[in-house]
Protein backbone atom coordinates (compact mmCIF):
# COMPACT_ATOMS: atom_id res chain seq x y z
CA MET A 1 16.36 0.37 -24.85
CA LYS A 2 18.76 1.30 -22.03
CA GLU A 3 22.50 1.30 -22.61
CA ASN A 4 24.82 -0.70 -20.31
CA ARG A 5 22.06 -2.90 -18.94
CA GLU A 6 23.22 -5.06 -16.05
CA ARG A 7 21.93 -8.64 -16.32
CA ILE A 8 20.86 -10.14 -13.01
CA LEU A 9 19.15 -13.39 -14.11
CA LYS A 10 19.93 -15.61 -17.10
CA ILE A 11 17.85 -18.73 -17.78
CA ARG A 12 19.00 -21.02 -20.59
CA ASP A 13 17.40 -24.17 -22.09
CA LEU A 14 15.43 -24.87 -18.92
CA ASN A 15 13.52 -28.19 -18.98
CA ILE A 16 11.37 -29.21 -16.01
CA SER A 17 9.21 -32.30 -15.61
CA PHE A 18 6.95 -33.80 -12.95
CA LYS A 19 6.38 -37.47 -12.17
CA THR A 20 2.65 -38.14 -11.84
CA THR A 21 0.43 -41.21 -11.69
CA GLY A 22 -0.45 -40.48 -15.33
CA GLY A 23 3.21 -40.44 -16.40
CA LYS A 24 5.92 -37.81 -16.80
CA VAL A 25 4.65 -34.28 -17.49
CA HIS A 26 7.08 -32.02 -19.37
CA ALA A 27 5.90 -28.74 -17.84
CA VAL A 28 8.71 -26.45 -19.04
CA ARG A 29 10.38 -27.09 -22.39
CA GLY A 30 13.54 -25.20 -23.28
CA VAL A 31 12.85 -21.80 -21.71
CA ASN A 32 15.30 -18.91 -22.24
CA LEU A 33 14.83 -15.74 -20.22
CA ASP A 34 16.84 -12.64 -19.24
CA LEU A 35 16.19 -10.13 -16.47
CA TYR A 36 18.14 -6.88 -16.11
CA LYS A 37 18.65 -4.61 -13.10
CA GLY A 38 15.76 -2.23 -12.43
CA GLU A 39 13.60 -3.67 -15.23
CA THR A 40 10.26 -5.49 -15.21
CA ILE A 41 9.46 -8.53 -17.32
CA ALA A 42 6.06 -10.18 -17.53
CA ILE A 43 5.41 -13.85 -18.27
CA VAL A 44 1.91 -14.30 -19.69
CA GLY A 45 -0.12 -17.29 -20.84
CA GLU A 46 -3.01 -19.58 -19.99
CA SER A 47 -3.16 -21.66 -16.82
CA GLY A 48 -0.79 -24.61 -17.08
CA SER A 49 1.55 -22.90 -19.57
CA GLY A 50 4.53 -23.19 -17.20
CA LYS A 51 4.73 -19.59 -15.91
CA SER A 52 4.68 -20.35 -12.18
CA VAL A 53 6.80 -23.50 -12.51
CA THR A 54 9.57 -21.50 -14.22
CA THR A 55 9.73 -18.93 -11.43
CA LYS A 56 9.40 -21.51 -8.64
CA ALA A 57 12.50 -23.16 -10.13
CA VAL A 58 14.28 -19.80 -9.79
CA MET A 59 13.40 -19.86 -6.07
CA GLY A 60 14.26 -23.57 -5.74
CA LEU A 61 10.66 -24.25 -4.72
CA LEU A 62 9.65 -27.09 -7.07
CA ALA A 63 7.32 -29.73 -5.63
CA ASN A 64 8.88 -33.02 -4.51
CA ASN A 65 7.79 -34.77 -7.71
CA GLY A 66 9.36 -32.06 -9.89
CA SER A 67 12.86 -32.07 -11.33
CA ILE A 68 15.06 -29.83 -13.48
CA ASP A 69 16.06 -32.18 -16.30
CA SER A 70 18.47 -29.78 -18.01
CA GLY A 71 19.40 -26.14 -18.38
CA SER A 72 20.72 -23.42 -16.09
CA ILE A 73 19.41 -20.53 -13.98
CA GLU A 74 22.32 -18.14 -13.49
CA TYR A 75 22.02 -15.42 -10.87
CA HIS A 76 24.48 -12.52 -11.20
CA TRP A 77 25.32 -10.02 -8.46
CA ASN A 78 28.16 -7.88 -7.11
CA ASP A 79 29.65 -8.94 -3.78
CA GLU A 80 28.39 -6.59 -1.05
CA TYR A 81 31.87 -6.30 0.50
CA THR A 82 34.36 -6.46 -2.39
CA GLY A 83 32.14 -5.26 -5.26
CA GLU A 84 33.41 -8.21 -7.34
CA PRO A 85 30.91 -9.63 -9.89
CA LYS A 86 29.72 -13.12 -8.95
CA THR A 87 27.62 -15.78 -10.67
CA VAL A 88 25.89 -18.86 -9.31
CA ASP A 89 23.77 -21.51 -11.07
CA ILE A 90 20.69 -21.91 -8.87
CA CYS A 91 20.08 -25.38 -10.34
CA GLN A 92 23.34 -26.60 -8.76
CA LEU A 93 22.67 -25.32 -5.22
CA SER A 94 21.71 -27.54 -2.30
CA GLU A 95 18.52 -26.92 -0.30
CA LYS A 96 20.64 -25.46 2.52
CA GLU A 97 22.38 -23.02 0.15
CA LEU A 98 19.05 -22.00 -1.41
CA GLN A 99 17.56 -21.38 2.02
CA SER A 100 20.48 -19.33 3.35
CA GLU A 101 21.66 -17.46 0.24
CA ILE A 102 18.87 -17.15 -2.35
CA ARG A 103 15.34 -17.34 -0.95
CA GLY A 104 14.26 -14.09 0.61
CA ARG A 105 17.79 -12.73 0.69
CA LYS A 106 18.56 -12.24 -3.01
CA ILE A 107 15.28 -13.29 -4.66
CA ALA A 108 11.88 -12.93 -2.98
CA MET A 109 8.40 -13.95 -4.09
CA VAL A 110 4.91 -12.53 -3.61
CA PHE A 111 2.31 -15.27 -4.07
CA GLN A 112 -1.23 -15.10 -5.42
CA ASP A 113 -3.15 -15.65 -2.19
CA PRO A 114 -1.74 -13.89 0.89
CA MET A 115 -3.62 -16.23 3.25
CA THR A 116 -1.54 -19.18 2.04
CA SER A 117 1.69 -17.15 2.48
CA LEU A 118 1.03 -15.90 6.01
CA ASN A 119 1.14 -18.00 9.19
CA PRO A 120 -2.28 -17.62 10.89
CA THR A 121 -0.77 -18.35 14.34
CA MET A 122 1.91 -15.63 14.24
CA THR A 123 1.56 -11.86 14.58
CA ILE A 124 2.28 -9.71 11.52
CA GLY A 125 5.27 -8.13 13.26
CA LYS A 126 6.92 -11.46 14.04
CA GLN A 127 6.49 -12.63 10.44
CA ILE A 128 8.19 -9.52 9.05
CA MET A 129 10.99 -9.60 11.64
CA GLU A 130 11.82 -13.32 11.33
CA PRO A 131 13.61 -13.23 7.91
CA MET A 132 15.83 -10.33 9.01
CA MET A 133 16.80 -12.12 12.20
CA TYR A 134 17.49 -15.37 10.28
CA HIS A 135 19.44 -13.99 7.30
CA TYR A 136 21.20 -10.98 8.82
CA LYS A 137 21.24 -11.93 12.52
CA LYS A 138 19.57 -8.63 13.42
CA SER A 139 18.59 -8.07 17.05
CA LYS A 140 14.88 -7.93 17.95
CA GLN A 141 15.10 -4.17 18.37
CA GLU A 142 16.74 -3.67 14.93
CA ALA A 143 14.27 -6.02 13.23
CA TYR A 144 11.32 -4.30 14.93
CA ALA A 145 12.46 -0.85 13.77
CA LYS A 146 12.98 -2.09 10.18
CA ALA A 147 9.56 -3.85 10.24
CA LEU A 148 7.87 -0.55 11.19
CA GLU A 149 9.67 1.17 8.29
CA LEU A 150 8.52 -1.54 5.88
CA LEU A 151 4.90 -1.32 7.01
CA GLU A 152 4.98 2.42 6.36
CA LEU A 153 6.68 1.83 3.00
CA VAL A 154 3.85 -0.47 1.86
CA GLY A 155 1.21 2.01 3.01
CA ILE A 156 -0.01 0.40 6.26
CA THR A 157 -1.24 3.08 8.68
CA ASP A 158 -0.87 2.79 12.46
CA ALA A 159 2.08 0.41 11.97
CA LYS A 160 2.75 -0.21 15.68
CA LYS A 161 -0.80 -1.44 16.21
CA ARG A 162 -0.68 -3.64 13.07
CA MET A 163 2.52 -5.34 14.28
CA LYS A 164 0.41 -7.02 16.99
CA ASN A 165 -2.38 -8.10 14.60
CA TYR A 166 -2.89 -11.61 13.20
CA PRO A 167 -3.55 -12.15 9.45
CA HIS A 168 -7.29 -12.86 9.93
CA GLN A 169 -7.73 -9.39 11.46
CA LEU A 170 -6.72 -7.67 8.20
CA SER A 171 -8.45 -7.15 4.84
CA GLY A 172 -7.23 -8.91 1.66
CA GLY A 173 -5.51 -5.77 0.37
CA MET A 174 -3.73 -5.21 3.70
CA ARG A 175 -2.63 -8.86 3.86
CA GLN A 176 -1.12 -8.56 0.38
CA ARG A 177 0.77 -5.42 1.51
CA ILE A 178 2.09 -7.41 4.50
CA VAL A 179 3.30 -10.18 2.15
CA ILE A 180 5.12 -7.52 0.07
CA ALA A 181 6.68 -6.11 3.27
CA ILE A 182 7.93 -9.61 4.23
CA ALA A 183 9.32 -10.11 0.69
CA LEU A 184 11.23 -6.81 0.97
CA SER A 185 12.48 -7.39 4.53
CA CYS A 186 15.92 -8.68 3.45
CA ASP A 187 16.41 -6.15 0.61
CA PRO A 188 16.30 -8.66 -2.29
CA TYR A 189 17.55 -7.74 -5.75
CA VAL A 190 14.77 -9.64 -7.56
CA LEU A 191 11.06 -9.65 -6.72
CA ILE A 192 8.84 -12.32 -8.31
CA CYS A 193 5.12 -11.48 -8.27
CA ASP A 194 2.95 -14.53 -9.01
CA GLU A 195 -0.53 -13.18 -9.87
CA PRO A 196 -0.24 -10.79 -6.90
CA THR A 197 -3.61 -9.10 -7.44
CA THR A 198 -5.89 -11.92 -8.65
CA ALA A 199 -7.75 -12.32 -5.35
CA LEU A 200 -8.29 -8.54 -4.94
CA ASP A 201 -10.97 -6.21 -6.27
CA VAL A 202 -10.08 -3.81 -9.10
CA THR A 203 -9.48 -0.67 -7.00
CA ILE A 204 -7.19 -2.49 -4.53
CA GLN A 205 -5.49 -4.23 -7.48
CA ALA A 206 -4.49 -0.86 -8.97
CA LYS A 207 -3.11 0.34 -5.61
CA ILE A 208 -1.00 -2.82 -5.13
CA LEU A 209 0.46 -2.50 -8.66
CA GLU A 210 1.31 1.17 -8.05
CA LEU A 211 2.85 0.24 -4.69
CA ILE A 212 5.14 -2.38 -6.27
CA GLN A 213 6.18 0.12 -8.96
CA ASP A 214 6.96 2.82 -6.39
CA ILE A 215 9.06 0.42 -4.30
CA GLN A 216 10.83 -0.82 -7.44
CA LYS A 217 11.93 2.74 -8.31
CA LYS A 218 13.07 3.48 -4.73
CA LYS A 219 15.08 0.26 -4.37
CA GLU A 220 16.03 -0.35 -8.05
CA LEU A 221 14.49 -3.81 -7.90
CA SER A 222 14.22 -6.17 -10.86
CA VAL A 223 10.68 -7.56 -11.05
CA ILE A 224 9.13 -10.61 -12.72
CA TYR A 225 5.33 -10.59 -13.04
CA ILE A 226 3.46 -13.82 -13.70
CA THR A 227 -0.04 -13.16 -14.96
CA HIS A 228 -2.73 -14.08 -17.46
CA ASP A 229 -4.13 -10.52 -17.29
CA LEU A 230 -2.83 -8.41 -20.17
CA GLY A 231 -4.28 -5.32 -18.48
CA VAL A 232 -1.79 -5.82 -15.64
CA VAL A 233 1.02 -6.35 -18.16
CA ALA A 234 0.20 -3.06 -19.89
CA LYS A 235 0.51 -1.19 -16.61
CA VAL A 236 3.79 -2.62 -15.34
CA ALA A 237 6.05 -4.38 -17.87
CA ASP A 238 9.10 -3.29 -19.87
CA TYR A 239 9.41 -6.66 -21.61
CA VAL A 240 6.88 -9.46 -22.20
CA ASN A 241 7.38 -13.22 -22.61
CA VAL A 242 4.36 -15.11 -23.96
CA MET A 243 4.30 -18.74 -22.82
CA TYR A 244 2.37 -21.63 -24.30
CA ALA A 245 2.61 -25.33 -23.39
CA GLY A 246 5.87 -24.90 -21.46
CA LYS A 247 7.64 -22.78 -24.09
CA ILE A 248 8.15 -19.08 -24.68
CA VAL A 249 6.57 -18.48 -28.09
CA GLU A 250 7.06 -14.71 -28.36
CA THR A 251 9.23 -12.21 -26.53
CA GLY A 252 9.75 -8.49 -26.96
CA THR A 253 9.28 -5.04 -25.50
CA ILE A 254 5.82 -4.05 -24.24
CA ASP A 255 5.22 -1.99 -27.40
CA GLU A 256 6.36 -4.80 -29.72
CA ILE A 257 4.02 -7.33 -28.11
CA PHE A 258 1.00 -5.00 -27.90
CA TYR A 259 1.36 -3.09 -31.20
CA ASP A 260 3.22 -5.55 -33.44
CA PRO A 261 2.46 -9.12 -32.21
CA ARG A 262 3.57 -11.82 -34.65
CA HIS A 263 2.55 -15.16 -33.09
CA PRO A 264 -1.04 -16.40 -33.69
CA TYR A 265 -1.30 -17.30 -29.97
CA THR A 266 -0.41 -13.72 -28.99
CA TRP A 267 -3.06 -12.54 -31.48
CA GLY A 268 -5.58 -14.76 -29.69
CA LEU A 269 -4.61 -13.47 -26.24
CA LEU A 270 -4.92 -9.84 -27.32
CA SER A 271 -8.21 -10.50 -29.13
CA SER A 272 -9.72 -12.12 -26.02
CA MET A 273 -9.06 -9.08 -23.79
CA PRO A 274 -12.24 -7.29 -22.63
CA ASP A 275 -12.72 -4.01 -24.51
CA LEU A 276 -15.30 -1.35 -23.64
CA ASP A 277 -15.13 0.16 -27.16
CA THR A 278 -15.82 -3.00 -29.14
CA ASP A 279 -18.90 -3.44 -31.35
CA ASP A 280 -18.82 -7.23 -30.92
CA ASP A 281 -21.58 -8.89 -28.90
CA GLU A 282 -19.33 -11.75 -27.77
CA LEU A 283 -15.83 -11.91 -26.28
CA TYR A 284 -13.34 -13.70 -28.53
CA THR A 285 -12.01 -17.04 -27.26
CA ILE A 286 -9.12 -19.09 -28.62
CA PRO A 287 -10.61 -22.34 -29.98
CA GLY A 288 -9.56 -25.71 -28.53
CA THR A 289 -7.53 -26.48 -25.42
CA PRO A 290 -3.80 -26.63 -24.60
CA PRO A 291 -2.08 -29.99 -25.20
CA ASN A 292 -1.61 -32.63 -22.51
CA LEU A 293 2.11 -32.34 -21.67
CA ALA A 294 2.13 -35.89 -20.30
CA HIS A 295 2.25 -36.93 -23.97
CA GLU A 296 5.04 -36.08 -26.38
CA VAL A 297 4.30 -32.88 -28.31
CA LYS A 298 5.10 -33.37 -31.99
CA GLY A 299 5.70 -30.22 -33.99
CA ASP A 300 4.29 -26.89 -32.85
CA ALA A 301 2.18 -27.35 -29.69
CA PHE A 302 -0.17 -24.55 -30.82
CA ALA A 303 -0.79 -26.05 -34.29
CA PRO A 304 -4.12 -27.82 -33.48
CA ARG A 305 -5.61 -24.47 -32.33
CA ASN A 306 -3.98 -22.35 -35.03
CA GLU A 307 -6.07 -21.53 -38.11
CA PHE A 308 -2.87 -20.37 -39.86
CA ALA A 309 -0.92 -23.61 -39.17
CA LEU A 310 1.36 -24.87 -41.95
CA ASN A 311 2.15 -28.52 -42.79
CA ILE A 312 5.57 -28.22 -41.13
CA ASP A 313 3.87 -27.21 -37.84
CA LEU A 314 2.59 -30.78 -37.49
CA ARG A 315 6.09 -32.23 -37.92
CA GLU A 316 8.68 -29.85 -36.45
CA ASP A 317 8.80 -27.50 -33.48
CA PRO A 318 9.67 -24.00 -34.74
CA PRO A 319 12.87 -22.31 -33.54
CA MET A 320 12.95 -18.69 -32.35
CA PHE A 321 12.98 -16.35 -35.35
CA LYS A 322 14.29 -12.80 -34.95
CA VAL A 323 11.87 -10.12 -36.13
CA PRO A 324 13.63 -7.90 -38.70
CA ASP A 325 14.77 -4.46 -37.49
CA SER A 326 14.45 -5.40 -33.80
CA ASP A 327 17.08 -6.52 -31.29
CA SER A 328 14.51 -7.68 -28.74
CA HIS A 329 11.56 -9.16 -30.66
CA GLN A 330 11.62 -12.94 -31.30
CA VAL A 331 8.88 -15.36 -32.32
CA ALA A 332 8.69 -19.19 -32.31
CA SER A 333 6.48 -19.64 -35.37
CA TRP A 334 7.11 -21.10 -38.82
CA LEU A 335 5.11 -18.14 -40.19
CA MET A 336 8.25 -16.07 -39.55
CA HIS A 337 10.33 -18.23 -41.93
CA PRO A 338 11.38 -16.28 -45.06
CA ASN A 339 9.72 -18.93 -47.29
CA ALA A 340 6.42 -19.04 -45.35
CA PRO A 341 3.28 -17.54 -46.90
CA LYS A 342 2.55 -14.03 -45.62
CA VAL A 343 -0.17 -14.07 -42.99
CA ASP A 344 -1.41 -10.86 -41.38
CA MET A 345 -3.08 -10.59 -37.99
CA PRO A 346 -6.92 -10.61 -38.02
CA GLU A 347 -8.37 -7.29 -39.20
CA ALA A 348 -10.49 -6.87 -36.05
CA LEU A 349 -7.35 -7.12 -33.90
CA ARG A 350 -5.46 -4.69 -36.15
CA LYS A 351 -8.24 -2.10 -35.69
CA ARG A 352 -8.23 -2.63 -31.93
CA LEU A 353 -4.44 -2.21 -31.68
CA ASP A 354 -4.57 0.92 -33.86
CA LYS A 355 -7.20 2.34 -31.50
CA MET A 356 -4.99 1.50 -28.50
CA LYS A 357 -2.04 3.22 -30.18
CA GLN A 358 -4.05 6.39 -30.75
CA LYS A 359 -4.92 6.45 -27.05
CA GLY A 360 -1.27 6.01 -26.12
CA GLU A 361 -1.75 2.60 -24.49
CA PRO A 362 -0.13 0.58 -23.05
CA ASN A 363 1.20 3.26 -20.70
CA HIS A 364 3.16 1.29 -18.11
CA ASP A 365 4.55 4.43 -16.46
CA GLY A 366 1.93 4.12 -13.72
CA SER A 367 -0.72 6.35 -15.34
CA THR A 368 -4.26 5.22 -16.08
CA THR A 369 -4.95 2.67 -18.80
CA HIS A 370 -8.20 1.26 -20.18
CA LEU A 371 -6.73 -2.17 -20.91
CA GLY A 372 -8.47 -5.00 -19.14
CA SER A 373 -10.36 -2.61 -16.87
């Protein structure tokens, strides 16, 4: 763990709900999250677990029927002129302040499908130049020169020609590179990547992940990855937050989550990863389905799907327990209580993790990994 880490984002007790025709949906329930300068955190979990909603709240991009019921999202930075440390609670900002100070300028987002992020009626060049001209009042000539630099940075060849292209004239991988260039156009401190490679084939996916890592090192960006793909997590993350039913149920370093997982849900996620070396004929699946968050969740939300559930799981929601001998590893499970019966992870998963450890995976330094490939 690095010394003197500089915190850039601090989320505390975040609760978000949505008004729907079926009632109020409690999509995010008491999330705590920290992001430090130059580091990468991953938020993983099934669809509907609250991953994207949490990060859209950071951007101030919740849908009209969504609301932050309680909690704070503190953004920390040093003033570019005085060097003085500053803090702002994003939850308290107006739409105008979010638009002018946060979105694109300090925190930028790369979405899952580049075709929904790009304007089909505008040239690529204009879309990259526009944020710079809006936020920093750059002239057309300055914005054009910076746009060419960005296109080269994200690996687009013949940049001058591409500036005149429209999105439909480019491949999926090139469009995603353009979206990354737009996200970087105002030199943000935080980059949020929401399933940035889901719509791409495996070879392009690897190139996009390497590209984001290279840019992160050059610009000392802090990155948040939202994904359900643990193979992606293994390649990129320093820290992992496992989300289930709107809550973070386990958090720790990449090695702690992959080699020493403690929550039964994390066991299920790791067991359900594709593995070329397995002797099993079938891929493991977690039984049951996530709860309907339009109804009140009593006790531990994962209890109905958890074969190791205790009686207390049906009555009380577990707090975060600190894993002994670790400053970073925490688990929201009653199995971590000192008086709980000792339950070990499934033997098949233990063997798989031991095999991964022998191979030196996960190796998120940008080298090749077999996870999820």
